[in-house]
Amino acid sequence: MTTSAYDTDLDRNPANHQPLSPLPFLERAASVYPDHIAIIHGPMRRSYADFYARARRLASALARHGIGKNDTVAAMLPNTPAMLECHYGVPMCGAVLNTLNTRLDAAIIAFSLDHGEAKVLITDREFSKTIKEALALCKAKPLVIDYDDPVYDGPGERLGSLEYEEFVAAGDPDYAWVMPTDEWDAIALNYTSGTTGDPKGVVYHHRGANLLATSNILTGQMGRHPVYLWTLPMFHCNGWCFPWSISLVAGTHVCLRQVRAKAMYDALADHGVTHLCGAPIVMSALLNAPAEERRDFPQTVSFFTAAAPPPEAVLAGMKQAGFEVTHLYGLTECYGPAVVNDWNRDWDALPAPEQAVLKARQGVRYPALEGLDVLDPETMQPVPRDGATLGEVMMRGNVVMKGYLKNAKSTQAAFAGGWFHTGDLGVRYPDGYIQLKDRSKDIIISGGENISSIEVEDALYKHPAIQAAAVVARPDEKWGETPCAFVELKPGKTATEAEIVAWCRQHLAAFKCPKTVIFTEVPKTSTGKIQKFRLREMAKAL
């Protein structure tokens, strides 16, 4: 084999090759726009120079406590400045950020702390009750740092010996933070809803975080200095990588602890918000707000939504209210959204019902996703592009996870045949756009949160009066979907809907509990397998 001139004396070296990472985004923004407002939180305004200095202080303080490469730092925080600082400060000392779902129960939090081997836990006072229980349950003994947000005035206690502001203040604002030695190094750990047993730890790398963050900017057509409202939880797929995206264009983060209509309208009017992300519940809150909570705003606001596609009436209402809705699709395993319903201007001339049908499709791949297809999982061949033949949605590219932490079997299964198997069933149209038709994992997406039907069923089966139970998604205008339980009682036993829901609340996080309970004989096949497709039809008809 002849060596080409293009392969001779043209090697990689530090001058021409650096690992991709989102961390330099903040350094650049602070250098070019030091006085631009990076973060708004209640009355607080923080510049990019201060944001960068505080991220370095956090990295420095963690390093002084022995935290380094591949150590896990867990964060139980709402959408606050501290959570933004963690997205930079934690990986700046080589550590891995594990953002915890603030809505989960103590047992799942304890599992995550143990499985991820958390060395540090930064926790907001609001969640002290759950965290106290979790720390009592878990074997891990992380350094606990309490965050006392000045905007929060509710109940809660300090659990550790250190307070976040004191911890950060002790760090060095000129700390020489570290780039990853390899762009394949882990930057974040996210636990995805477990469909069978415990959640799986999805590991992100620096390269993927950089590329997905950049793709968000391209997909959202975000020019310089956008104003981004934090309605999407930052614990969810690292806020779809937007904590990193916004620095790339020196935008402003408007933090919001709680998603409430008045607070959103105030931010839209007072801060000139240009972009936000959210589940159907956020749209519902905006559209159903009472007149006294609404505010007028002159700008058109880009609204990115994932999960169930918005109904036609909701899309029309959002447009009238000043929002341009874009439908996205993704999973924890692909850093959040990796598919977008890229709108064709020719479709603007179509009647509203036809536009709604097109908007319901999940769409085409993000710029950073190299492959998106609907394949037959048996043959691994593409299904016909006829909008009717069902297959499994699969992906490949640089914004697919490294794999599942300490779970080689699940990682190998997820990547079988050189594609990431989403577990979602869909079709592909002649123009290449995909649309989901079902979820083979039976995941219910309610208010943007994944709920495992199997986990809810496990709780139901523990009830002494229940003989058979099955849980499916019921369409819901406010939440997108809610869990609907079909319950078959044991002979001679009785129970009410209220009793069943109360039972579930003892065993599950509140958002996972069924919103509807139907007492009926659960339909089964001749082999005794529950026919969920029939239950879905029944739930839709309710």
Protein backbone atom coordinates (compact mmCIF):
# COMPACT_ATOMS: atom_id res chain seq x y z
CA MET A 1 0.00 0.00 0.00
CA THR A 2 1.47 3.32 -1.12
CA THR A 3 1.62 6.10 1.46
CA SER A 4 0.00 9.27 0.17
CA ALA A 5 1.60 12.67 0.50
CA TYR A 6 -1.54 13.66 2.37
CA ASP A 7 -0.64 11.11 5.05
CA THR A 8 3.01 12.17 5.38
CA ASP A 9 4.32 14.81 7.81
CA LEU A 10 0.80 16.11 8.37
CA ASP A 11 0.18 14.69 11.84
CA ARG A 12 -2.08 15.98 14.57
CA ASN A 13 -0.42 18.24 17.10
CA PRO A 14 -1.63 20.74 19.74
CA ALA A 15 -1.50 23.55 17.18
CA ASN A 16 -3.97 21.95 14.79
CA HIS A 17 -6.04 19.58 16.92
CA GLN A 18 -7.88 20.24 20.19
CA PRO A 19 -10.60 18.12 21.81
CA LEU A 20 -14.13 19.38 21.24
CA SER A 21 -15.85 20.54 24.43
CA PRO A 22 -18.52 23.11 25.32
CA LEU A 23 -16.35 24.55 28.12
CA PRO A 24 -14.53 27.13 25.93
CA PHE A 25 -17.93 28.63 25.02
CA LEU A 26 -18.08 30.35 28.42
CA GLU A 27 -14.46 31.48 28.30
CA ARG A 28 -15.04 33.10 24.89
CA ALA A 29 -18.29 34.81 25.94
CA ALA A 30 -16.57 36.24 29.05
CA SER A 31 -13.63 37.43 26.95
CA VAL A 32 -15.65 39.03 24.14
CA TYR A 33 -18.72 40.21 26.09
CA PRO A 34 -17.56 40.48 29.73
CA ASP A 35 -20.25 43.00 30.74
CA HIS A 36 -23.18 41.38 28.92
CA ILE A 37 -25.82 39.99 31.29
CA ALA A 38 -25.43 36.21 31.35
CA ILE A 39 -27.91 35.33 34.11
CA ILE A 40 -31.09 36.89 35.47
CA HIS A 41 -32.55 35.38 38.63
CA GLY A 42 -35.15 37.40 40.51
CA PRO A 43 -33.48 40.76 41.22
CA MET A 44 -29.98 39.38 40.50
CA ARG A 45 -28.07 40.24 37.31
CA ARG A 46 -24.80 38.44 36.62
CA SER A 47 -22.38 39.35 33.81
CA TYR A 48 -20.41 36.88 31.71
CA ALA A 49 -17.20 37.96 33.46
CA ASP A 50 -18.77 37.06 36.83
CA PHE A 51 -20.33 33.83 35.50
CA TYR A 52 -16.94 32.66 34.23
CA ALA A 53 -15.14 33.66 37.45
CA ARG A 54 -17.70 31.81 39.58
CA ALA A 55 -17.49 28.66 37.42
CA ARG A 56 -13.70 28.71 37.90
CA ARG A 57 -14.12 29.27 41.65
CA LEU A 58 -16.42 26.24 41.80
CA ALA A 59 -13.93 24.11 39.83
CA SER A 60 -11.10 25.28 42.08
CA ALA A 61 -13.03 24.58 45.29
CA LEU A 62 -13.94 21.07 44.08
CA ALA A 63 -10.31 20.38 43.14
CA ARG A 64 -9.17 21.49 46.61
CA HIS A 65 -11.53 18.88 48.06
CA GLY A 66 -9.83 16.18 46.00
CA ILE A 67 -12.35 16.07 43.15
CA GLY A 68 -10.77 15.31 39.78
CA LYS A 69 -11.13 13.38 36.55
CA ASN A 70 -14.10 11.00 36.40
CA ASP A 71 -15.33 11.80 39.92
CA THR A 72 -19.10 12.21 40.01
CA VAL A 73 -20.62 15.42 41.36
CA ALA A 74 -24.39 15.15 41.81
CA ALA A 75 -26.68 18.18 41.76
CA MET A 76 -30.24 18.29 43.14
CA LEU A 77 -31.10 21.78 41.97
CA PRO A 78 -33.95 23.62 40.24
CA ASN A 79 -33.33 26.08 37.40
CA THR A 80 -31.00 28.42 39.29
CA PRO A 81 -27.63 30.15 38.74
CA ALA A 82 -25.95 27.39 40.78
CA MET A 83 -27.15 24.76 38.30
CA LEU A 84 -25.72 26.78 35.40
CA GLU A 85 -22.40 27.13 37.24
CA CYS A 86 -22.30 23.36 37.82
CA HIS A 87 -22.53 22.73 34.07
CA TYR A 88 -19.16 24.48 33.68
CA GLY A 89 -17.42 24.31 37.07
CA VAL A 90 -17.81 20.55 37.54
CA PRO A 91 -16.25 19.47 34.20
CA MET A 92 -13.67 22.29 34.48
CA CYS A 93 -11.93 20.22 37.16
CA GLY A 94 -12.33 17.02 35.11
CA ALA A 95 -15.33 15.72 37.06
CA VAL A 96 -18.64 14.40 35.73
CA LEU A 97 -21.93 16.21 36.46
CA ASN A 98 -24.94 14.09 37.48
CA THR A 99 -28.06 16.26 37.51
CA LEU A 100 -30.78 14.60 39.61
CA ASN A 101 -34.48 14.74 38.78
CA THR A 102 -35.97 16.89 41.54
CA ARG A 103 -39.34 15.11 41.19
CA LEU A 104 -38.08 11.64 42.04
CA ASP A 105 -38.51 9.79 45.33
CA ALA A 106 -35.76 9.10 47.86
CA ALA A 107 -35.20 5.46 46.84
CA ILE A 108 -34.41 6.32 43.20
CA ILE A 109 -32.19 9.25 44.27
CA ALA A 110 -30.33 6.90 46.64
CA PHE A 111 -29.85 4.38 43.83
CA SER A 112 -28.44 7.11 41.56
CA LEU A 113 -25.99 8.37 44.23
CA ASP A 114 -24.75 4.82 44.83
CA HIS A 115 -24.60 3.69 41.21
CA GLY A 116 -22.85 6.90 40.11
CA GLU A 117 -20.55 6.79 43.16
CA ALA A 118 -21.21 10.47 43.91
CA LYS A 119 -18.30 12.13 45.72
CA VAL A 120 -20.13 15.47 46.13
CA LEU A 121 -23.82 16.36 46.32
CA ILE A 122 -24.93 19.97 45.80
CA THR A 123 -28.54 20.20 46.98
CA ASP A 124 -31.17 22.94 47.18
CA ARG A 125 -32.81 23.44 50.57
CA GLU A 126 -36.26 22.90 49.02
CA PHE A 127 -35.48 19.21 48.49
CA SER A 128 -33.93 18.53 51.91
CA LYS A 129 -36.72 16.15 53.01
CA THR A 130 -36.19 13.82 50.01
CA ILE A 131 -32.40 14.13 50.11
CA LYS A 132 -32.28 13.43 53.85
CA GLU A 133 -34.18 10.17 53.24
CA ALA A 134 -31.98 9.32 50.23
CA LEU A 135 -28.75 9.86 52.21
CA ALA A 136 -30.06 7.56 54.93
CA LEU A 137 -30.80 4.87 52.32
CA CYS A 138 -27.63 5.03 50.20
CA LYS A 139 -24.19 3.61 50.87
CA ALA A 140 -22.42 6.57 49.23
CA LYS A 141 -21.23 9.26 51.62
CA PRO A 142 -20.81 12.33 49.41
CA LEU A 143 -19.69 15.71 50.62
CA VAL A 144 -23.01 17.56 50.99
CA ILE A 145 -23.10 21.21 49.95
CA ASP A 146 -26.37 23.08 50.63
CA TYR A 147 -27.64 25.69 48.19
CA ASP A 148 -29.75 28.36 49.89
CA ASP A 149 -31.31 30.22 46.98
CA PRO A 150 -32.21 33.82 47.99
CA VAL A 151 -35.28 33.63 45.72
CA TYR A 152 -36.67 30.64 47.70
CA ASP A 153 -38.43 31.34 50.99
CA GLY A 154 -40.12 27.97 51.59
CA PRO A 155 -39.42 25.14 54.04
CA GLY A 156 -36.24 23.07 54.14
CA GLU A 157 -33.14 22.51 56.21
CA ARG A 158 -29.40 22.45 55.73
CA LEU A 159 -28.01 18.91 55.59
CA GLY A 160 -24.27 19.44 55.17
CA SER A 161 -21.49 21.40 56.81
CA LEU A 162 -20.92 23.66 53.78
CA GLU A 163 -23.13 26.26 52.10
CA TYR A 164 -22.75 26.73 48.34
CA GLU A 165 -21.86 30.45 48.38
CA GLU A 166 -19.22 29.90 51.06
CA PHE A 167 -17.82 26.96 49.10
CA VAL A 168 -17.59 28.95 45.85
CA ALA A 169 -16.15 32.03 47.57
CA ALA A 170 -13.23 29.90 48.81
CA GLY A 171 -12.30 28.99 45.22
CA ASP A 172 -9.85 30.77 42.93
CA PRO A 173 -11.44 32.94 40.18
CA ASP A 174 -8.21 32.58 38.16
CA TYR A 175 -8.11 28.78 38.50
CA ALA A 176 -6.37 27.15 35.53
CA TRP A 177 -9.26 24.88 34.58
CA VAL A 178 -8.66 21.79 32.52
CA MET A 179 -9.85 20.88 29.06
CA PRO A 180 -10.61 17.17 28.60
CA THR A 181 -7.52 15.19 27.64
CA ASP A 182 -9.77 13.46 25.10
CA GLU A 183 -13.09 14.68 23.71
CA TRP A 184 -14.43 11.19 24.45
CA ASP A 185 -14.03 11.91 28.19
CA ALA A 186 -17.28 11.88 30.18
CA ILE A 187 -18.87 15.26 30.90
CA ALA A 188 -22.26 14.23 32.33
CA LEU A 189 -24.26 11.33 33.73
CA ASN A 190 -28.05 11.23 33.33
CA TYR A 191 -30.36 8.57 34.68
CA THR A 192 -33.13 7.55 32.33
CA SER A 193 -36.46 6.11 33.46
CA GLY A 194 -36.08 2.38 33.96
CA THR A 195 -38.60 0.27 32.07
CA THR A 196 -37.45 -2.92 33.75
CA GLY A 197 -36.08 -2.35 37.22
CA ASP A 198 -33.49 0.29 38.03
CA PRO A 199 -32.80 3.39 35.90
CA LYS A 200 -29.85 3.29 33.51
CA GLY A 201 -26.99 5.78 33.74
CA VAL A 202 -26.49 7.47 30.37
CA VAL A 203 -22.95 8.82 29.91
CA TYR A 204 -22.33 11.91 27.74
CA HIS A 205 -18.94 12.91 26.31
CA HIS A 206 -17.50 16.40 25.73
CA ARG A 207 -17.63 16.01 21.93
CA GLY A 208 -21.35 15.23 21.91
CA ALA A 209 -22.13 18.07 24.33
CA ASN A 210 -20.28 20.53 22.08
CA LEU A 211 -22.00 19.33 18.90
CA LEU A 212 -25.54 19.13 20.32
CA ALA A 213 -25.15 22.57 21.91
CA THR A 214 -24.00 23.96 18.55
CA SER A 215 -26.83 22.19 16.72
CA ASN A 216 -29.36 23.81 19.08
CA ILE A 217 -28.14 27.21 17.89
CA LEU A 218 -28.44 26.23 14.22
CA THR A 219 -31.79 24.48 14.63
CA GLY A 220 -33.29 27.31 16.69
CA GLN A 221 -31.84 30.00 14.40
CA MET A 222 -30.53 31.71 17.55
CA GLY A 223 -28.61 34.83 16.60
CA ARG A 224 -26.30 36.73 18.91
CA HIS A 225 -27.56 37.56 22.44
CA PRO A 226 -30.81 35.55 22.56
CA VAL A 227 -32.76 35.68 25.83
CA TYR A 228 -33.58 32.14 26.96
CA LEU A 229 -36.25 31.40 29.58
CA TRP A 230 -35.61 28.30 31.71
CA THR A 231 -38.93 26.46 31.69
CA LEU A 232 -37.32 23.13 30.70
CA PRO A 233 -35.70 21.49 33.77
CA MET A 234 -31.91 21.65 33.59
CA PHE A 235 -31.83 18.18 35.18
CA HIS A 236 -33.51 16.78 32.05
CA CYS A 237 -30.74 15.75 29.59
CA ASN A 238 -28.66 18.66 30.94
CA GLY A 239 -31.41 21.02 29.83
CA TRP A 240 -31.08 19.62 26.28
CA CYS A 241 -27.52 21.10 26.37
CA PHE A 242 -28.88 24.68 26.38
CA PRO A 243 -26.74 25.62 29.44
CA TRP A 244 -23.83 25.31 27.01
CA SER A 245 -25.64 26.57 23.87
CA ILE A 246 -26.49 29.98 25.30
CA SER A 247 -22.84 30.83 26.06
CA LEU A 248 -21.94 30.07 22.44
CA VAL A 249 -24.00 33.09 21.34
CA ALA A 250 -23.50 35.13 24.55
CA GLY A 251 -27.18 34.96 25.37
CA THR A 252 -28.98 35.64 28.64
CA HIS A 253 -30.32 32.87 30.87
CA VAL A 254 -33.53 33.83 32.67
CA CYS A 255 -33.84 31.37 35.56
CA LEU A 256 -37.23 30.20 36.77
CA ARG A 257 -37.56 28.01 39.87
CA GLN A 258 -41.17 27.17 39.14
CA VAL A 259 -43.07 27.19 35.86
CA ARG A 260 -46.00 29.51 36.54
CA ALA A 261 -47.96 31.53 33.97
CA LYS A 262 -47.49 34.93 35.62
CA ALA A 263 -43.73 34.47 36.03
CA MET A 264 -43.44 33.41 32.38
CA TYR A 265 -45.47 36.36 31.07
CA ASP A 266 -43.46 38.75 33.28
CA ALA A 267 -40.20 37.37 31.86
CA LEU A 268 -41.49 37.62 28.29
CA ALA A 269 -42.52 41.24 28.78
CA ASP A 270 -39.77 42.49 31.11
CA HIS A 271 -36.69 40.67 29.76
CA GLY A 272 -37.59 40.31 26.08
CA VAL A 273 -37.39 36.52 26.11
CA THR A 274 -36.78 35.17 22.59
CA HIS A 275 -36.62 31.40 23.18
CA LEU A 276 -37.93 28.75 25.55
CA CYS A 277 -38.45 25.00 25.62
CA GLY A 278 -41.19 23.01 27.24
CA ALA A 279 -43.66 20.17 27.28
CA PRO A 280 -47.36 20.63 26.39
CA ILE A 281 -48.00 21.55 30.05
CA VAL A 282 -46.03 24.80 29.55
CA MET A 283 -48.12 25.73 26.50
CA SER A 284 -51.25 24.91 28.45
CA ALA A 285 -50.17 27.16 31.34
CA LEU A 286 -49.55 30.06 28.94
CA LEU A 287 -52.78 29.66 26.97
CA ASN A 288 -55.03 29.08 29.99
CA ALA A 289 -53.63 31.88 32.15
CA PRO A 290 -56.25 34.27 33.56
CA ALA A 291 -56.33 37.74 32.03
CA GLU A 292 -54.78 39.39 35.10
CA GLU A 293 -51.65 37.20 34.78
CA ARG A 294 -51.06 37.89 31.08
CA ARG A 295 -48.75 40.56 29.70
CA ASP A 296 -48.32 41.86 26.16
CA PHE A 297 -44.91 41.47 24.51
CA PRO A 298 -43.88 42.74 21.04
CA GLN A 299 -41.45 39.96 20.00
CA THR A 300 -42.28 36.62 18.36
CA VAL A 301 -41.01 33.92 20.73
CA SER A 302 -39.54 30.60 19.53
CA PHE A 303 -41.00 27.72 21.51
CA PHE A 304 -39.39 24.27 21.23
CA THR A 305 -41.52 21.37 22.37
CA ALA A 306 -40.89 17.64 22.47
CA ALA A 307 -42.99 14.71 23.72
CA ALA A 308 -46.50 14.33 22.30
CA PRO A 309 -47.20 16.63 19.30
CA PRO A 310 -49.42 19.60 20.19
CA PRO A 311 -53.08 19.42 19.05
CA GLU A 312 -54.16 21.71 16.21
CA ALA A 313 -56.12 24.02 18.58
CA VAL A 314 -53.05 24.47 20.80
CA LEU A 315 -50.80 25.30 17.82
CA ALA A 316 -53.32 27.88 16.62
CA GLY A 317 -53.60 29.37 20.11
CA MET A 318 -49.83 29.61 20.51
CA LYS A 319 -49.44 31.34 17.15
CA GLN A 320 -52.12 33.85 18.06
CA ALA A 321 -50.40 34.46 21.42
CA GLY A 322 -47.08 35.31 19.72
CA PHE A 323 -45.23 31.98 19.79
CA GLU A 324 -43.65 30.05 16.92
CA VAL A 325 -43.76 26.38 17.90
CA THR A 326 -41.15 23.87 16.66
CA HIS A 327 -41.61 20.18 17.39
CA LEU A 328 -38.49 18.22 18.43
CA TYR A 329 -37.79 14.60 19.30
CA GLY A 330 -35.02 12.88 21.16
CA LEU A 331 -34.09 10.72 24.11
CA THR A 332 -31.76 10.95 27.08
CA GLU A 333 -29.40 8.72 25.10
CA CYS A 334 -28.94 11.37 22.39
CA TYR A 335 -28.38 14.42 24.63
CA GLY A 336 -32.03 15.50 24.33
CA PRO A 337 -33.41 16.66 20.97
CA ALA A 338 -31.66 15.21 17.92
CA VAL A 339 -34.60 15.31 15.49
CA VAL A 340 -36.51 18.42 14.40
CA ASN A 341 -39.69 19.05 12.47
CA ASP A 342 -37.88 21.31 10.00
CA TRP A 343 -40.66 23.43 8.55
CA ASN A 344 -40.87 23.87 4.78
CA ARG A 345 -42.09 27.34 3.78
CA ASP A 346 -44.23 25.81 1.04
CA TRP A 347 -46.40 24.32 3.79
CA ASP A 348 -47.43 27.80 5.00
CA ALA A 349 -50.02 27.96 2.21
CA LEU A 350 -51.76 24.76 3.34
CA PRO A 351 -55.01 24.80 5.35
CA ALA A 352 -54.55 24.70 9.15
CA PRO A 353 -55.64 21.04 9.53
CA GLU A 354 -53.07 19.91 6.94
CA GLN A 355 -50.36 22.01 8.64
CA ALA A 356 -51.23 20.37 11.97
CA VAL A 357 -50.79 16.91 10.42
CA LEU A 358 -47.33 17.91 9.14
CA LYS A 359 -46.38 19.49 12.50
CA ALA A 360 -47.22 16.23 14.28
CA ARG A 361 -44.31 14.47 12.56
CA GLN A 362 -41.07 14.21 14.52
CA GLY A 363 -39.09 15.25 11.46
CA VAL A 364 -35.49 14.97 10.26
CA ARG A 365 -32.09 14.67 11.92
CA TYR A 366 -30.24 17.49 13.66
CA PRO A 367 -27.07 18.69 11.87
CA ALA A 368 -24.94 16.76 14.39
CA LEU A 369 -26.77 13.45 13.96
CA GLU A 370 -25.19 11.54 11.08
CA GLY A 371 -27.86 8.88 10.71
CA LEU A 372 -31.61 8.68 11.35
CA ASP A 373 -33.76 5.93 9.87
CA VAL A 374 -36.67 3.59 10.48
CA LEU A 375 -35.36 0.02 10.27
CA ASP A 376 -36.76 -3.47 10.57
CA PRO A 377 -35.10 -4.55 13.86
CA GLU A 378 -34.85 -8.15 12.64
CA THR A 379 -33.16 -7.52 9.28
CA MET A 380 -31.72 -4.05 10.09
CA GLN A 381 -32.92 -2.93 6.66
CA PRO A 382 -34.82 0.38 6.12
CA VAL A 383 -38.60 0.05 5.90
CA PRO A 384 -40.30 1.46 2.77
CA ARG A 385 -40.75 5.25 2.84
CA ASP A 386 -44.51 5.00 2.54
CA GLY A 387 -45.67 6.62 5.78
CA ALA A 388 -47.34 3.33 6.73
CA THR A 389 -44.79 0.53 7.24
CA LEU A 390 -43.84 0.31 10.90
CA GLY A 391 -40.22 -0.11 12.02
CA GLU A 392 -37.93 0.93 14.86
CA VAL A 393 -36.50 4.45 14.87
CA MET A 394 -32.69 4.20 14.97
CA MET A 395 -29.87 6.72 15.14
CA ARG A 396 -26.11 6.90 14.73
CA GLY A 397 -23.77 9.82 15.16
CA ASN A 398 -21.68 11.98 17.45
CA VAL A 399 -24.60 12.97 19.67
CA VAL A 400 -25.36 9.43 20.77
CA MET A 401 -24.24 8.53 24.32
CA LYS A 402 -21.01 6.71 25.20
CA GLY A 403 -23.20 4.00 26.70
CA TYR A 404 -24.83 2.95 29.96
CA LEU A 405 -22.65 3.20 33.06
CA LYS A 406 -21.66 -0.22 34.46
CA ASN A 407 -24.15 -1.93 32.16
CA ALA A 408 -22.34 -3.58 29.25
CA LYS A 409 -25.28 -5.85 28.40
CA SER A 410 -27.72 -2.94 27.91
CA THR A 411 -25.09 -0.91 26.04
CA GLN A 412 -24.42 -3.75 23.59
CA ALA A 413 -28.15 -4.29 23.04
CA ALA A 414 -28.72 -0.57 22.46
CA PHE A 415 -25.93 -0.43 19.83
CA ALA A 416 -26.59 -3.78 18.11
CA GLY A 417 -25.87 -3.68 14.37
CA GLY A 418 -24.04 -0.34 14.56
CA TRP A 419 -27.18 1.71 15.28
CA PHE A 420 -28.67 3.11 18.48
CA HIS A 421 -32.03 1.39 18.97
CA THR A 422 -34.46 3.96 20.38
CA GLY A 423 -37.17 1.41 21.16
CA ASP A 424 -39.65 3.78 19.51
CA LEU A 425 -41.75 2.51 16.63
CA GLY A 426 -42.46 4.78 13.70
CA VAL A 427 -42.86 5.27 9.96
CA ARG A 428 -40.91 7.22 7.35
CA TYR A 429 -42.54 9.33 4.65
CA PRO A 430 -41.39 9.73 1.04
CA ASP A 431 -39.81 13.12 1.94
CA GLY A 432 -37.67 11.44 4.62
CA TYR A 433 -39.55 12.80 7.65
CA ILE A 434 -40.23 10.28 10.41
CA GLN A 435 -43.24 10.01 12.70
CA LEU A 436 -43.58 8.00 15.89
CA LYS A 437 -46.51 5.62 16.07
CA ASP A 438 -45.91 3.77 19.31
CA ARG A 439 -43.35 3.22 22.03
CA SER A 440 -42.12 -0.30 22.32
CA LYS A 441 -40.80 0.55 25.78
CA ASP A 442 -44.30 1.65 26.90
CA ILE A 443 -42.92 4.89 28.22
CA ILE A 444 -45.53 7.54 29.05
CA ILE A 445 -44.38 11.14 28.52
CA SER A 446 -46.30 13.35 30.93
CA GLY A 447 -45.40 17.02 31.24
CA GLY A 448 -42.11 16.24 29.50
CA GLU A 449 -41.21 13.59 32.09
CA ASN A 450 -40.75 9.91 31.22
CA ILE A 451 -42.89 7.51 33.24
CA SER A 452 -42.33 3.78 33.00
CA SER A 453 -45.68 1.97 32.78
CA ILE A 454 -43.98 -1.14 34.17
CA GLU A 455 -42.88 0.76 37.29
CA VAL A 456 -46.46 1.96 37.91
CA GLU A 457 -47.81 -1.55 37.27
CA ASP A 458 -45.36 -2.96 39.83
CA ALA A 459 -46.79 -0.60 42.46
CA LEU A 460 -50.36 -1.56 41.53
CA TYR A 461 -49.64 -5.29 41.75
CA LYS A 462 -48.52 -4.82 45.36
CA HIS A 463 -52.05 -3.74 46.32
CA PRO A 464 -53.78 -6.61 48.16
CA ALA A 465 -57.05 -6.26 46.19
CA ILE A 466 -55.56 -6.17 42.67
CA GLN A 467 -55.42 -9.31 40.53
CA ALA A 468 -54.28 -7.78 37.23
CA ALA A 469 -53.19 -4.30 36.20
CA ALA A 470 -51.94 -2.52 33.11
CA VAL A 471 -50.97 1.10 32.59
CA VAL A 472 -51.05 3.01 29.29
CA ALA A 473 -50.85 6.61 28.20
CA ARG A 474 -54.09 8.56 28.07
CA PRO A 475 -53.97 11.67 25.84
CA ASP A 476 -54.21 14.83 27.91
CA GLU A 477 -54.50 18.39 26.62
CA LYS A 478 -52.57 19.83 29.58
CA TRP A 479 -49.87 17.20 30.23
CA GLY A 480 -49.60 15.64 26.76
CA GLU A 481 -50.18 12.22 28.29
CA THR A 482 -51.09 10.90 31.74
CA PRO A 483 -50.93 7.37 33.18
CA CYS A 484 -54.25 5.53 32.90
CA ALA A 485 -54.52 2.33 34.97
CA PHE A 486 -56.79 -0.58 34.05
CA VAL A 487 -57.36 -2.66 37.14
CA GLU A 488 -58.92 -6.10 37.63
CA LEU A 489 -59.83 -6.83 41.27
CA LYS A 490 -59.53 -10.18 43.03
CA PRO A 491 -62.86 -12.00 43.55
CA GLY A 492 -64.67 -10.61 46.57
CA LYS A 493 -62.30 -7.64 46.93
CA THR A 494 -63.27 -3.97 46.58
CA ALA A 495 -61.36 -0.73 46.04
CA THR A 496 -62.08 2.81 44.85
CA GLU A 497 -60.17 5.00 42.43
CA ALA A 498 -59.15 7.30 45.31
CA GLU A 499 -57.80 4.32 47.31
CA ILE A 500 -55.76 3.06 44.35
CA VAL A 501 -54.26 6.51 43.66
CA ALA A 502 -53.45 6.97 47.37
CA TRP A 503 -51.75 3.56 47.36
CA CYS A 504 -49.62 4.54 44.37
CA ARG A 505 -48.63 7.79 46.08
CA GLN A 506 -47.11 5.73 48.89
CA HIS A 507 -44.93 3.81 46.44
CA LEU A 508 -44.17 6.29 43.62
CA ALA A 509 -43.27 9.90 42.97
CA ALA A 510 -46.51 11.87 42.66
CA PHE A 511 -46.13 12.63 38.94
CA LYS A 512 -45.95 8.91 38.14
CA CYS A 513 -49.26 8.04 39.80
CA PRO A 514 -52.31 7.20 37.62
CA LYS A 515 -54.60 10.13 36.94
CA THR A 516 -57.35 7.71 35.87
CA VAL A 517 -58.26 4.26 37.20
CA ILE A 518 -60.65 2.02 35.25
CA PHE A 519 -62.03 -1.10 36.94
CA THR A 520 -62.54 -3.77 34.28
CA GLU A 521 -61.45 -7.19 33.14
CA VAL A 522 -58.03 -6.59 31.60
CA PRO A 523 -57.99 -7.97 27.99
CA LYS A 524 -55.42 -10.73 27.43
CA THR A 525 -54.21 -12.94 24.61
CA SER A 526 -54.70 -16.72 24.64
CA THR A 527 -51.28 -17.00 26.27
CA GLY A 528 -52.25 -14.58 29.04
CA LYS A 529 -50.34 -11.54 27.73
CA ILE A 530 -52.12 -8.24 28.34
CA GLN A 531 -53.25 -6.56 25.10
CA LYS A 532 -52.04 -3.03 25.61
CA PHE A 533 -53.06 -1.88 22.13
CA ARG A 534 -56.70 -2.46 23.12
CA LEU A 535 -56.19 -0.56 26.37
CA ARG A 536 -54.68 2.37 24.47
CA GLU A 537 -57.77 2.49 22.27
CA MET A 538 -59.98 2.43 25.38
CA ALA A 539 -57.92 5.18 27.02
CA LYS A 540 -58.16 7.37 23.90
CA ALA A 541 -61.93 6.88 23.82
CA LEU A 542 -62.41 8.01 27.45
